[in-house]
């Protein structure tokens, strides 16, 4: 049994045990530089990149055409599909976008969803958001319209 007379003797004993398990210590000495490090130079500014033409040299009609909104956007194509379908089935656009389960409206809505998937290439959730429907409703509509077209 170990008996120590004071705490420093106990610390020394356990330090010796630790040293045996740890092995010899490698001591490295670091010398501090006497002179301060040289100042860091600021990097040169990045070269200017050519952004675009100087618009003041173009005629105003060219600038207006350049700034015109793109009319073949996805929303306008979706809107065009709904308008075409409403004309074909002789129903209003509001009726196609409604939640009515009237047979004529359901057929028109299903065709509009099918065309949105085929012509615009939208996903089921995107078509569902446009028509305020769930993606599973869109999947069923496209499947039902495809089945009707095969008859």
Protein backbone atom coordinates (compact mmCIF):
# COMPACT_ATOMS: atom_id res chain seq x y z
CA UNK A 1 0.00 0.00 0.00
CA UNK A 2 1.26 3.44 -0.91
CA UNK A 3 1.59 6.06 1.74
CA UNK A 4 2.47 9.65 1.01
CA UNK A 5 3.50 12.26 3.51
CA UNK A 6 2.18 15.21 1.50
CA UNK A 7 0.40 16.07 -1.76
CA UNK A 8 3.59 16.99 -3.68
CA UNK A 9 5.02 13.52 -3.07
CA UNK A 10 1.80 11.97 -4.40
CA UNK A 11 1.85 14.21 -7.50
CA UNK A 12 5.47 13.30 -8.21
CA UNK A 13 4.67 9.59 -7.92
CA UNK A 14 1.78 9.74 -10.41
CA UNK A 15 3.80 11.98 -12.73
CA UNK A 16 6.48 9.26 -12.86
CA UNK A 17 3.88 6.62 -13.69
CA UNK A 18 2.44 8.78 -16.47
CA UNK A 19 5.91 9.38 -17.86
CA UNK A 20 6.54 5.61 -18.06
CA UNK A 21 3.37 5.05 -20.10
CA UNK A 22 3.83 8.14 -22.25
CA UNK A 23 7.45 7.49 -23.15
CA UNK A 24 10.17 10.08 -23.57
CA UNK A 25 8.98 13.59 -24.28
CA UNK A 26 10.14 15.40 -27.36
CA UNK A 27 10.87 18.97 -26.47
CA UNK A 28 10.96 21.61 -29.18
CA UNK A 29 12.04 25.12 -28.62
CA UNK A 30 10.64 27.95 -30.66
CA UNK A 31 12.61 31.13 -31.01
CA UNK A 32 10.68 34.30 -31.53
CA UNK A 33 11.85 36.61 -34.30
CA UNK A 34 13.42 39.78 -33.05
CA UNK A 35 12.35 41.97 -35.97
CA UNK A 36 8.65 42.57 -36.70
CA UNK A 37 7.36 40.88 -39.83
CA UNK A 38 7.24 42.98 -42.99
CA UNK A 39 3.93 44.75 -43.63
CA UNK A 40 1.46 42.96 -45.85
CA UNK A 41 1.00 44.68 -49.18
CA UNK A 42 -2.51 45.34 -50.39
CA UNK A 43 -3.41 43.22 -53.41
CA UNK A 44 -3.92 45.12 -56.64
CA UNK A 45 -7.55 45.90 -57.50
CA UNK A 46 -9.21 43.35 -59.78
CA UNK A 47 -9.25 44.22 -63.46
CA UNK A 48 -12.42 45.82 -64.75
CA UNK A 49 -14.69 43.42 -66.54
CA UNK A 50 -16.65 44.50 -69.59
CA UNK A 51 -20.28 44.37 -68.47
CA UNK A 52 -22.18 45.33 -71.58
CA UNK A 53 -22.49 47.80 -74.38
CA UNK A 54 -22.84 51.50 -73.83
CA UNK A 55 -26.60 51.84 -74.30
CA UNK A 56 -26.38 55.53 -75.21
CA UNK A 57 -25.08 54.61 -78.68
CA UNK A 58 -28.15 52.53 -79.57
CA UNK A 59 -31.39 53.95 -81.01
CA UNK A 60 -34.27 54.19 -78.55
CA UNK A 61 -36.43 51.60 -80.35
CA UNK A 62 -33.66 49.00 -79.98
CA UNK A 63 -33.37 49.79 -76.27
CA UNK A 64 -37.15 49.52 -75.84
CA UNK A 65 -37.16 46.16 -77.58
CA UNK A 66 -34.30 44.98 -75.37
CA UNK A 67 -36.10 46.05 -72.19
CA UNK A 68 -39.45 44.55 -73.22
CA UNK A 69 -40.61 41.71 -71.00
CA UNK A 70 -40.29 38.24 -72.39
CA UNK A 71 -43.80 37.27 -73.49
CA UNK A 72 -43.14 33.56 -73.89
CA UNK A 73 -42.76 33.02 -70.16
CA UNK A 74 -44.10 29.93 -68.44
CA UNK A 75 -46.97 31.80 -66.78
CA UNK A 76 -48.12 33.28 -70.07
CA UNK A 77 -47.95 29.85 -71.73
CA UNK A 78 -49.97 28.32 -68.90
CA UNK A 79 -52.47 31.15 -69.18
CA UNK A 80 -52.69 30.62 -72.97
CA UNK A 81 -53.43 26.92 -72.43
CA UNK A 82 -56.25 27.72 -69.98
CA UNK A 83 -57.70 30.33 -72.37
CA UNK A 84 -57.58 27.90 -75.32
CA UNK A 85 -59.18 25.15 -73.28
CA UNK A 86 -61.91 27.45 -72.01
CA UNK A 87 -62.70 28.48 -75.59
CA UNK A 88 -62.77 24.85 -76.76
CA UNK A 89 -65.16 23.73 -74.01
CA UNK A 90 -67.13 27.04 -73.94
CA UNK A 91 -66.57 27.60 -70.23
CA UNK A 92 -65.07 30.54 -68.41
CA UNK A 93 -61.50 30.65 -67.16
CA UNK A 94 -62.75 31.10 -63.60
CA UNK A 95 -64.76 27.86 -63.93
CA UNK A 96 -61.69 25.92 -65.05
CA UNK A 97 -59.68 27.31 -62.14
CA UNK A 98 -62.53 26.64 -59.66
CA UNK A 99 -63.02 23.53 -57.54
CA UNK A 100 -66.32 22.60 -59.22
CA UNK A 101 -66.87 18.92 -60.04
CA UNK A 102 -69.21 19.56 -62.96
CA UNK A 103 -68.41 16.97 -65.67
CA UNK A 104 -67.74 19.55 -68.40
CA UNK A 105 -65.49 21.60 -66.13
CA UNK A 106 -63.61 18.53 -64.94
CA UNK A 107 -62.90 17.45 -68.54
CA UNK A 108 -61.74 20.95 -69.47
CA UNK A 109 -59.53 21.18 -66.37
CA UNK A 110 -58.03 17.75 -67.02
CA UNK A 111 -57.18 18.68 -70.60
CA UNK A 112 -55.61 21.94 -69.47
CA UNK A 113 -53.48 20.07 -66.92
CA UNK A 114 -52.47 17.50 -69.55
CA UNK A 115 -51.44 20.23 -71.97
CA UNK A 116 -49.51 22.07 -69.25
CA UNK A 117 -47.55 18.88 -68.57
CA UNK A 118 -46.88 18.09 -72.26
CA UNK A 119 -46.44 21.56 -73.79
CA UNK A 120 -44.83 23.48 -70.93
CA UNK A 121 -43.13 20.55 -69.21
CA UNK A 122 -44.15 21.51 -65.70
CA UNK A 123 -44.00 19.06 -62.80
CA UNK A 124 -47.14 17.81 -61.04
CA UNK A 125 -46.63 20.08 -57.98
CA UNK A 126 -46.07 23.15 -60.20
CA UNK A 127 -49.21 22.45 -62.23
CA UNK A 128 -51.09 21.82 -59.00
CA UNK A 129 -50.02 25.17 -57.58
CA UNK A 130 -51.17 26.92 -60.76
CA UNK A 131 -54.61 25.26 -60.67
CA UNK A 132 -54.87 25.31 -56.83
CA UNK A 133 -54.92 21.50 -56.74
CA UNK A 134 -52.86 18.75 -55.14
CA UNK A 135 -50.15 17.02 -57.19
CA UNK A 136 -52.04 13.71 -56.94
CA UNK A 137 -55.08 15.37 -58.53
CA UNK A 138 -52.88 16.53 -61.39
CA UNK A 139 -51.49 13.01 -61.84
CA UNK A 140 -55.01 11.57 -61.95
CA UNK A 141 -56.15 14.26 -64.41
CA UNK A 142 -53.28 13.57 -66.80
CA UNK A 143 -53.84 9.81 -66.57
CA UNK A 144 -57.59 10.18 -67.16
CA UNK A 145 -57.13 12.52 -70.13
CA UNK A 146 -54.51 10.20 -71.68
CA UNK A 147 -56.92 7.27 -71.27
CA UNK A 148 -59.71 9.27 -72.96
CA UNK A 149 -57.41 10.13 -75.88
CA UNK A 150 -56.58 6.44 -76.42
CA UNK A 151 -60.26 5.53 -76.95
